[in-house]
PDB file of N, CA and C in Angstrom:
ATOM      1  N   MET A   1     -21.405  12.962   5.665  1.00  0.00           N
ATOM      2  CA  MET A   1     -20.655  12.643   6.393  1.00  0.00           C
ATOM      3  C   MET A   1     -19.501  12.922   6.516  1.00  0.00           C
ATOM      4  N   ALA A   2     -18.644  11.364   7.765  1.00  0.00           N
ATOM      5  CA  ALA A   2     -17.987  11.757   8.759  1.00  0.00           C
ATOM      6  C   ALA A   2     -16.914  11.823   8.579  1.00  0.00           C
ATOM      7  N   ARG A   3     -16.614  12.500   9.888  1.00  0.00           N
ATOM      8  CA  ARG A   3     -15.688  13.569   9.998  1.00  0.00           C
ATOM      9  C   ARG A   3     -14.599  12.433  11.084  1.00  0.00           C
ATOM     10  N   PHE A   4     -13.643  12.656  10.845  1.00  0.00           N
ATOM     11  CA  PHE A   4     -12.044  11.958  11.862  1.00  0.00           C
ATOM     12  C   PHE A   4     -11.288  12.463  12.383  1.00  0.00           C
ATOM     13  N   GLN A   5     -11.097  11.998  13.116  1.00  0.00           N
ATOM     14  CA  GLN A   5      -9.044  13.036  13.962  1.00  0.00           C
ATOM     15  C   GLN A   5      -8.674  11.535  14.172  1.00  0.00           C
ATOM     16  N   LEU A   6      -7.314  12.401  14.385  1.00  0.00           N
ATOM     17  CA  LEU A   6      -6.673  11.665  14.695  1.00  0.00           C
ATOM     18  C   LEU A   6      -5.192  12.316  15.126  1.00  0.00           C
ATOM     19  N   ASP A   7      -4.004  11.620  16.183  1.00  0.00           N
ATOM     20  CA  ASP A   7      -3.065  11.526  16.852  1.00  0.00           C
ATOM     21  C   ASP A   7      -2.268  11.581  16.354  1.00  0.00           C
ATOM     22  N   ILE A   8      -0.738  11.703  15.396  1.00  0.00           N
ATOM     23  CA  ILE A   8       0.166  11.117  15.635  1.00  0.00           C
ATOM     24  C   ILE A   8       1.522  12.644  15.595  1.00  0.00           C
ATOM     25  N   PRO A   9       2.411  11.512  16.353  1.00  0.00           N
ATOM     26  CA  PRO A   9       3.725  11.667  15.946  1.00  0.00           C
ATOM     27  C   PRO A   9       4.038  12.887  15.288  1.00  0.00           C
ATOM     28  N   GLU A  10       4.959  14.321  15.382  1.00  0.00           N
ATOM     29  CA  GLU A  10       5.257  15.098  14.491  1.00  0.00           C
ATOM     30  C   GLU A  10       6.289  14.259  14.089  1.00  0.00           C
ATOM     31  N   ARG A  11       6.960  13.726  13.643  1.00  0.00           N
ATOM     32  CA  ARG A  11       7.402  13.108  11.814  1.00  0.00           C
ATOM     33  C   ARG A  11       7.038  12.204  11.598  1.00  0.00           C
ATOM     34  N   SER A  12       5.502  11.845  12.181  1.00  0.00           N
ATOM     35  CA  SER A  12       5.123  11.495  11.197  1.00  0.00           C
ATOM     36  C   SER A  12       4.574  12.120  10.153  1.00  0.00           C
ATOM     37  N   LEU A  13       4.037  13.823  10.406  1.00  0.00           N
ATOM     38  CA  LEU A  13       3.228  14.263   9.840  1.00  0.00           C
ATOM     39  C   LEU A  13       4.370  14.858   9.465  1.00  0.00           C
ATOM     40  N   ARG A  14       5.869  15.245   9.344  1.00  0.00           N
ATOM     41  CA  ARG A  14       6.820  15.124   9.018  1.00  0.00           C
ATOM     42  C   ARG A  14       6.712  14.473   7.250  1.00  0.00           C
ATOM     43  N   GLU A  15       6.453  12.976   7.773  1.00  0.00           N
ATOM     44  CA  GLU A  15       6.347  12.556   6.304  1.00  0.00           C
ATOM     45  C   GLU A  15       5.297  12.529   5.681  1.00  0.00           C
ATOM     46  N   ILE A  16       3.922  13.063   6.219  1.00  0.00           N
ATOM     47  CA  ILE A  16       2.982  13.240   5.004  1.00  0.00           C
ATOM     48  C   ILE A  16       3.551  13.889   4.256  1.00  0.00           C
ATOM     49  N   GLU A  17       3.683  14.995   4.520  1.00  0.00           N
ATOM     50  CA  GLU A  17       3.986  16.955   3.812  1.00  0.00           C
ATOM     51  C   GLU A  17       4.872  15.718   3.784  1.00  0.00           C
ATOM     52  N   LYS A  18       5.812  15.237   3.565  1.00  0.00           N
ATOM     53  CA  LYS A  18       7.151  15.480   2.176  1.00  0.00           C
ATOM     54  C   LYS A  18       6.530  14.653   1.592  1.00  0.00           C
ATOM     55  N   LEU A  19       5.385  13.083   1.270  1.00  0.00           N
ATOM     56  CA  LEU A  19       4.976  12.763   0.123  1.00  0.00           C
ATOM     57  C   LEU A  19       3.692  13.162  -0.991  1.00  0.00           C
ATOM     58  N   MET A  20       3.161  14.488   0.410  1.00  0.00           N
ATOM     59  CA  MET A  20       2.585  15.440  -0.316  1.00  0.00           C
ATOM     60  C   MET A  20       3.192  16.322  -1.453  1.00  0.00           C
ATOM     61  N   LEU A  21       4.406  16.518  -1.144  1.00  0.00           N
ATOM     62  CA  LEU A  21       5.016  16.947  -2.323  1.00  0.00           C
ATOM     63  C   LEU A  21       5.863  16.005  -3.088  1.00  0.00           C
ATOM     64  N   ASP A  22       6.416  15.196  -3.078  1.00  0.00           N
ATOM     65  CA  ASP A  22       6.381  14.729  -3.898  1.00  0.00           C
ATOM     66  C   ASP A  22       5.801  14.520  -4.436  1.00  0.00           C
ATOM     67  N   THR A  23       4.496  13.963  -4.291  1.00  0.00           N
ATOM     68  CA  THR A  23       3.194  12.691  -5.377  1.00  0.00           C
ATOM     69  C   THR A  23       2.215  14.962  -5.755  1.00  0.00           C
ATOM     70  N   ASP A  24       2.656  15.815  -5.695  1.00  0.00           N
ATOM     71  CA  ASP A  24       2.292  17.069  -5.665  1.00  0.00           C
ATOM     72  C   ASP A  24       0.754  16.966  -5.454  1.00  0.00           C
ATOM     73  N   THR A  25       0.660  16.272  -3.763  1.00  0.00           N
ATOM     74  CA  THR A  25      -1.067  16.367  -3.268  1.00  0.00           C
ATOM     75  C   THR A  25      -1.226  17.133  -2.796  1.00  0.00           C
ATOM     76  N   SER A  26      -2.560  17.663  -3.028  1.00  0.00           N
ATOM     77  CA  SER A  26      -2.730  19.382  -2.352  1.00  0.00           C
ATOM     78  C   SER A  26      -3.331  19.186  -1.007  1.00  0.00           C
ATOM     79  N   THR A  27      -3.164  17.850  -0.410  1.00  0.00           N
ATOM     80  CA  THR A  27      -4.522  18.044   0.685  1.00  0.00           C
ATOM     81  C   THR A  27      -3.875  16.307   0.950  1.00  0.00           C
ATOM     82  N   LYS A  28      -4.127  17.030   2.575  1.00  0.00           N
ATOM     83  CA  LYS A  28      -3.835  15.119   3.394  1.00  0.00           C
ATOM     84  C   LYS A  28      -5.150  14.651   2.536  1.00  0.00           C
ATOM     85  N   LYS A  29      -6.492  14.564   2.428  1.00  0.00           N
ATOM     86  CA  LYS A  29      -7.838  13.943   2.766  1.00  0.00           C
ATOM     87  C   LYS A  29      -7.469  13.031   1.209  1.00  0.00           C
ATOM     88  N   ASP A  30      -6.881  13.855   0.446  1.00  0.00           N
ATOM     89  CA  ASP A  30      -6.446  13.102  -0.745  1.00  0.00           C
ATOM     90  C   ASP A  30      -5.457  12.349  -1.414  1.00  0.00           C
ATOM     91  N   LEU A  31      -4.913  12.558  -0.429  1.00  0.00           N
ATOM     92  CA  LEU A  31      -3.104  11.500  -0.008  1.00  0.00           C
ATOM     93  C   LEU A  31      -3.755  10.417   1.398  1.00  0.00           C
ATOM     94  N   ILE A  32      -4.929  10.440   2.307  1.00  0.00           N
ATOM     95  CA  ILE A  32      -5.536   9.395   2.137  1.00  0.00           C
ATOM     96  C   ILE A  32      -6.216   9.086   1.539  1.00  0.00           C
ATOM     97  N   ASN A  33      -6.859   9.182   0.666  1.00  0.00           N
ATOM     98  CA  ASN A  33      -7.913   8.499  -0.424  1.00  0.00           C
ATOM     99  C   ASN A  33      -6.886   7.684  -0.924  1.00  0.00           C
ATOM    100  N   ASN A  34      -5.519   8.495  -1.745  1.00  0.00           N
ATOM    101  CA  ASN A  34      -5.033   7.255  -2.581  1.00  0.00           C
ATOM    102  C   ASN A  34      -4.293   6.359  -1.376  1.00  0.00           C
ATOM    103  N   ALA A  35      -3.849   6.043  -0.265  1.00  0.00           N
ATOM    104  CA  ALA A  35      -3.428   5.864   0.300  1.00  0.00           C
ATOM    105  C   ALA A  35      -4.413   3.956   0.886  1.00  0.00           C
ATOM    106  N   ILE A  36      -5.515   4.236   0.295  1.00  0.00           N
ATOM    107  CA  ILE A  36      -6.404   3.282   0.946  1.00  0.00           C
ATOM    108  C   ILE A  36      -6.521   2.604  -0.467  1.00  0.00           C
ATOM    109  N   THR A  37      -6.941   3.810  -2.147  1.00  0.00           N
ATOM    110  CA  THR A  37      -7.594   2.716  -2.958  1.00  0.00           C
ATOM    111  C   THR A  37      -6.093   2.011  -3.225  1.00  0.00           C
ATOM    112  N   LEU A  38      -5.461   2.141  -2.758  1.00  0.00           N
ATOM    113  CA  LEU A  38      -3.057   1.252  -3.125  1.00  0.00           C
ATOM    114  C   LEU A  38      -3.435   0.067  -2.174  1.00  0.00           C
ATOM    115  N   LEU A  39      -3.546   0.533  -0.927  1.00  0.00           N
ATOM    116  CA  LEU A  39      -4.560  -1.040   0.263  1.00  0.00           C
ATOM    117  C   LEU A  39      -5.094  -1.562  -0.120  1.00  0.00           C
ATOM    118  N   LYS A  40      -6.055  -1.633  -0.577  1.00  0.00           N
ATOM    119  CA  LYS A  40      -7.452  -2.281  -0.721  1.00  0.00           C
ATOM    120  C   LYS A  40      -6.750  -3.060  -2.948  1.00  0.00           C
ATOM    121  N   TRP A  41      -6.403  -2.303  -3.158  1.00  0.00           N
ATOM    122  CA  TRP A  41      -5.411  -2.978  -4.422  1.00  0.00           C
ATOM    123  C   TRP A  41      -4.703  -3.842  -4.156  1.00  0.00           C
ATOM    124  N   ALA A  42      -4.007  -3.467  -2.262  1.00  0.00           N
ATOM    125  CA  ALA A  42      -2.982  -4.525  -1.918  1.00  0.00           C
ATOM    126  C   ALA A  42      -3.915  -5.416  -1.644  1.00  0.00           C
ATOM    127  N   VAL A  43      -4.461  -5.604  -1.394  1.00  0.00           N
ATOM    128  CA  VAL A  43      -5.542  -6.411   0.055  1.00  0.00           C
ATOM    129  C   VAL A  43      -6.060  -7.629  -1.200  1.00  0.00           C
ATOM    130  N   ARG A  44      -6.666  -7.241  -2.287  1.00  0.00           N
ATOM    131  CA  ARG A  44      -6.783  -7.766  -2.982  1.00  0.00           C
ATOM    132  C   ARG A  44      -6.203  -8.814  -4.176  1.00  0.00           C
ATOM    133  N   GLN A  45      -5.167  -8.671  -4.322  1.00  0.00           N
ATOM    134  CA  GLN A  45      -4.220  -9.006  -4.850  1.00  0.00           C
ATOM    135  C   GLN A  45      -4.088 -10.364  -3.914  1.00  0.00           C
ATOM    136  N   ARG A  46      -3.542 -10.194  -2.443  1.00  0.00           N
ATOM    137  CA  ARG A  46      -3.474 -11.602  -1.526  1.00  0.00           C
ATOM    138  C   ARG A  46      -4.327 -12.371  -1.558  1.00  0.00           C
ATOM    139  N   GLN A  47      -5.318 -11.739  -1.226  1.00  0.00           N
ATOM    140  CA  GLN A  47      -6.677 -12.400  -1.472  1.00  0.00           C
ATOM    141  C   GLN A  47      -6.598 -13.355  -2.895  1.00  0.00           C
ATOM    142  N   GLN A  48      -6.309 -12.911  -4.247  1.00  0.00           N
ATOM    143  CA  GLN A  48      -6.143 -13.612  -4.940  1.00  0.00           C
ATOM    144  C   GLN A  48      -4.569 -14.364  -4.681  1.00  0.00           C
ATOM    145  N   GLY A  49      -4.093 -14.529  -4.195  1.00  0.00           N
ATOM    146  CA  GLY A  49      -3.034 -15.322  -4.143  1.00  0.00           C
ATOM    147  C   GLY A  49      -1.803 -14.713  -4.567  1.00  0.00           C
ATOM    148  N   ARG A  50      -1.410 -13.759  -5.120  1.00  0.00           N
ATOM    149  CA  ARG A  50      -0.978 -12.814  -4.909  1.00  0.00           C
ATOM    150  C   ARG A  50       0.400 -12.133  -4.129  1.00  0.00           C
ATOM    151  N   VAL A  51       1.934 -12.153  -4.038  1.00  0.00           N
ATOM    152  CA  VAL A  51       2.680 -12.031  -4.135  1.00  0.00           C
ATOM    153  C   VAL A  51       3.677 -10.428  -4.794  1.00  0.00           C
ATOM    154  N   LEU A  52       3.612  -9.735  -4.063  1.00  0.00           N
ATOM    155  CA  LEU A  52       2.816  -8.381  -4.878  1.00  0.00           C
ATOM    156  C   LEU A  52       4.530  -7.287  -4.770  1.00  0.00           C
ATOM    157  N   CYS A  53       5.216  -7.465  -5.771  1.00  0.00           N
ATOM    158  CA  CYS A  53       6.800  -7.192  -5.780  1.00  0.00           C
ATOM    159  C   CYS A  53       6.606  -5.847  -6.395  1.00  0.00           C
ATOM    160  N   SER A  54       8.661  -5.584  -6.579  1.00  0.00           N
ATOM    161  CA  SER A  54       8.167  -4.188  -7.110  1.00  0.00           C
ATOM    162  C   SER A  54       9.693  -4.905  -8.369  1.00  0.00           C
ATOM    163  N   TYR A  55      10.128  -4.583  -9.635  1.00  0.00           N
ATOM    164  CA  TYR A  55      10.969  -4.802 -10.905  1.00  0.00           C
ATOM    165  C   TYR A  55      11.500  -4.146 -10.666  1.00  0.00           C
ATOM    166  N   SER A  56      12.235  -3.851 -10.714  1.00  0.00           N
ATOM    167  CA  SER A  56      13.808  -3.196 -11.673  1.00  0.00           C
ATOM    168  C   SER A  56      14.079  -3.200 -12.862  1.00  0.00           C
ATOM    169  N   GLU A  57      13.834  -2.879 -13.744  1.00  0.00           N
ATOM    170  CA  GLU A  57      13.432  -3.187 -15.046  1.00  0.00           C
ATOM    171  C   GLU A  57      15.849  -3.052 -15.249  1.00  0.00           C
ATOM    172  N   SER A  58      16.326  -1.911 -14.881  1.00  0.00           N
ATOM    173  CA  SER A  58      17.361  -1.798 -14.825  1.00  0.00           C
ATOM    174  C   SER A  58      18.309  -3.269 -15.095  1.00  0.00           C
ATOM    175  N   GLY A  59      18.566  -4.185 -14.082  1.00  0.00           N
ATOM    176  CA  GLY A  59      19.277  -5.346 -13.188  1.00  0.00           C
ATOM    177  C   GLY A  59      17.950  -6.098 -13.387  1.00  0.00           C
ATOM    178  N   GLY A  60      16.544  -6.056 -13.717  1.00  0.00           N
ATOM    179  CA  GLY A  60      15.821  -7.253 -13.420  1.00  0.00           C
ATOM    180  C   GLY A  60      16.033  -8.044 -11.868  1.00  0.00           C
ATOM    181  N   ILE A  61      15.303  -6.863 -10.924  1.00  0.00           N
ATOM    182  CA  ILE A  61      15.847  -7.698  -9.739  1.00  0.00           C
ATOM    183  C   ILE A  61      14.344  -7.678  -9.194  1.00  0.00           C
ATOM    184  N   LEU A  62      13.561  -8.554  -8.819  1.00  0.00           N
ATOM    185  CA  LEU A  62      12.103  -8.111  -8.084  1.00  0.00           C
ATOM    186  C   LEU A  62      12.762  -8.301  -6.236  1.00  0.00           C
ATOM    187  N   ARG A  63      11.657  -7.684  -5.566  1.00  0.00           N
ATOM    188  CA  ARG A  63      11.959  -7.399  -4.374  1.00  0.00           C
ATOM    189  C   ARG A  63      10.402  -7.007  -3.955  1.00  0.00           C
ATOM    190  N   GLU A  64      10.327  -8.196  -3.314  1.00  0.00           N
ATOM    191  CA  GLU A  64       8.786  -8.261  -2.517  1.00  0.00           C
ATOM    192  C   GLU A  64       8.938  -6.753  -1.648  1.00  0.00           C
ATOM    193  N   LEU A  65       7.397  -7.279  -1.029  1.00  0.00           N
ATOM    194  CA  LEU A  65       6.746  -5.937  -0.471  1.00  0.00           C
ATOM    195  C   LEU A  65       6.409  -6.527   1.132  1.00  0.00           C
ATOM    196  N   GLU A  66       6.983  -5.365   2.683  1.00  0.00           N
ATOM    197  CA  GLU A  66       6.481  -6.015   2.966  1.00  0.00           C
ATOM    198  C   GLU A  66       6.119  -5.929   3.856  1.00  0.00           C
ATOM    199  N   MET A  67       4.289  -5.436   4.070  1.00  0.00           N
ATOM    200  CA  MET A  67       4.509  -5.569   5.075  1.00  0.00           C
ATOM    201  C   MET A  67       3.315  -6.284   6.092  1.00  0.00           C
ATOM    202  N   PRO A  68       3.218  -6.019   7.484  1.00  0.00           N
ATOM    203  CA  PRO A  68       2.887  -7.056   8.602  1.00  0.00           C
ATOM    204  C   PRO A  68       0.925  -7.474   7.987  1.00  0.00           C
ATOM    205  N   ILE A  69       0.385  -5.470   7.207  1.00  0.00           N
ATOM    206  CA  ILE A  69      -1.047  -6.049   7.384  1.00  0.00           C
ATOM    207  C   ILE A  69      -1.857  -6.751   6.485  1.00  0.00           C
ATOM    208  N   LEU A  70      -0.591  -6.216   5.259  1.00  0.00           N
ATOM    209  CA  LEU A  70      -0.829  -7.409   4.302  1.00  0.00           C
ATOM    210  C   LEU A  70      -0.198  -9.182   4.211  1.00  0.00           C
ATOM    211  N   GLN A  71       0.181  -9.251   5.705  1.00  0.00           N
ATOM    212  CA  GLN A  71       0.448 -10.865   5.632  1.00  0.00           C
ATOM    213  C   GLN A  71      -0.389 -11.366   6.447  1.00  0.00           C
ATOM    214  N   ARG A  72      -1.545 -11.071   7.096  1.00  0.00           N
ATOM    215  CA  ARG A  72      -2.301 -10.788   6.976  1.00  0.00           C
ATOM    216  C   ARG A  72      -3.258 -11.429   6.654  1.00  0.00           C
ATOM    217  N   VAL A  73      -3.544 -10.874   5.903  1.00  0.00           N
ATOM    218  CA  VAL A  73      -4.324 -11.462   4.550  1.00  0.00           C
ATOM    219  C   VAL A  73      -4.662 -12.323   4.009  1.00  0.00           C
ATOM    220  N   ALA A  74      -5.222 -13.768   4.658  1.00  0.00           N
ATOM    221  CA  ALA A  74      -5.794 -14.662   3.905  1.00  0.00           C
ATOM    222  C   ALA A  74      -6.236 -15.174   2.308  1.00  0.00           C
ATOM    223  N   PRO A  75      -5.106 -15.485   1.596  1.00  0.00           N
ATOM    224  CA  PRO A  75      -5.616 -15.880   0.337  1.00  0.00           C
ATOM    225  C   PRO A  75      -7.164 -16.443   0.144  1.00  0.00           C
ATOM    226  N   GLU A  76      -8.384 -16.127  -0.583  1.00  0.00           N
ATOM    227  CA  GLU A  76      -9.681 -16.987  -0.586  1.00  0.00           C
ATOM    228  C   GLU A  76      -9.108 -19.154  -0.927  1.00  0.00           C
ATOM    229  N   GLY A  77     -10.320 -20.060  -0.289  1.00  0.00           N
ATOM    230  CA  GLY A  77      -9.289 -20.904  -1.050  1.00  0.00           C
ATOM    231  C   GLY A  77      -8.848 -21.218  -0.487  1.00  0.00           C
ATOM    232  N   GLY A  78      -6.888 -20.872  -0.414  1.00  0.00           N
ATOM    233  CA  GLY A  78      -6.503 -21.204   0.770  1.00  0.00           C
ATOM    234  C   GLY A  78      -4.931 -22.040  -0.989  1.00  0.00           C
ATOM    235  N   GLN A  79      -5.628 -20.460  -2.071  1.00  0.00           N
ATOM    236  CA  GLN A  79      -4.670 -20.403  -2.902  1.00  0.00           C
ATOM    237  C   GLN A  79      -3.091 -19.462  -1.625  1.00  0.00           C
ATOM    238  N   GLU A  80      -1.867 -20.477  -2.961  1.00  0.00           N
ATOM    239  CA  GLU A  80      -0.031 -19.263  -2.088  1.00  0.00           C
ATOM    240  C   GLU A  80       0.495 -19.460  -3.707  1.00  0.00           C
ATOM    241  N   GLY A  81       1.433 -18.779  -3.040  1.00  0.00           N
ATOM    242  CA  GLY A  81       2.389 -18.456  -4.466  1.00  0.00           C
ATOM    243  C   GLY A  81       1.907 -17.641  -4.891  1.00  0.00           C
ATOM    244  N   VAL A  82       3.009 -17.690  -6.778  1.00  0.00           N
ATOM    245  CA  VAL A  82       2.483 -16.346  -7.275  1.00  0.00           C
ATOM    246  C   VAL A  82       1.889 -17.048  -8.310  1.00  0.00           C
ATOM    247  N   ASN A  83       0.057 -15.650  -8.555  1.00  0.00           N
ATOM    248  CA  ASN A  83      -0.263 -16.277 -10.374  1.00  0.00           C
ATOM    249  C   ASN A  83       0.626 -15.743 -11.397  1.00  0.00           C
ATOM    250  N   THR A  84       0.333 -16.307 -12.141  1.00  0.00           N
ATOM    251  CA  THR A  84       1.563 -15.531 -13.587  1.00  0.00           C
ATOM    252  C   THR A  84       0.006 -15.833 -14.301  1.00  0.00           C
ATOM    253  N   GLY A  85      -0.449 -15.633 -14.627  1.00  0.00           N
ATOM    254  CA  GLY A  85      -2.694 -15.957 -15.528  1.00  0.00           C
ATOM    255  C   GLY A  85      -3.202 -14.602 -15.159  1.00  0.00           C
TER     256      GLY A  85
END
């Protein structure tokens, strides 16, 4: 098993601790593992040419997720746009 350590600003640590409270997550390791799972899923979606959005059921509004790291993911086969299939 590998171990890694990082230095982060105090503000970032408070944000992590707030996320842990909001999600009832007991360890930073568990929070990071969940964050990695979500990022891996998002990368796969972008590779498939999908746009990641949130949907407001009450207003029917779509809001695209804007993350620089996902903008760097190239769709496989040059696909672009939303795939509804």
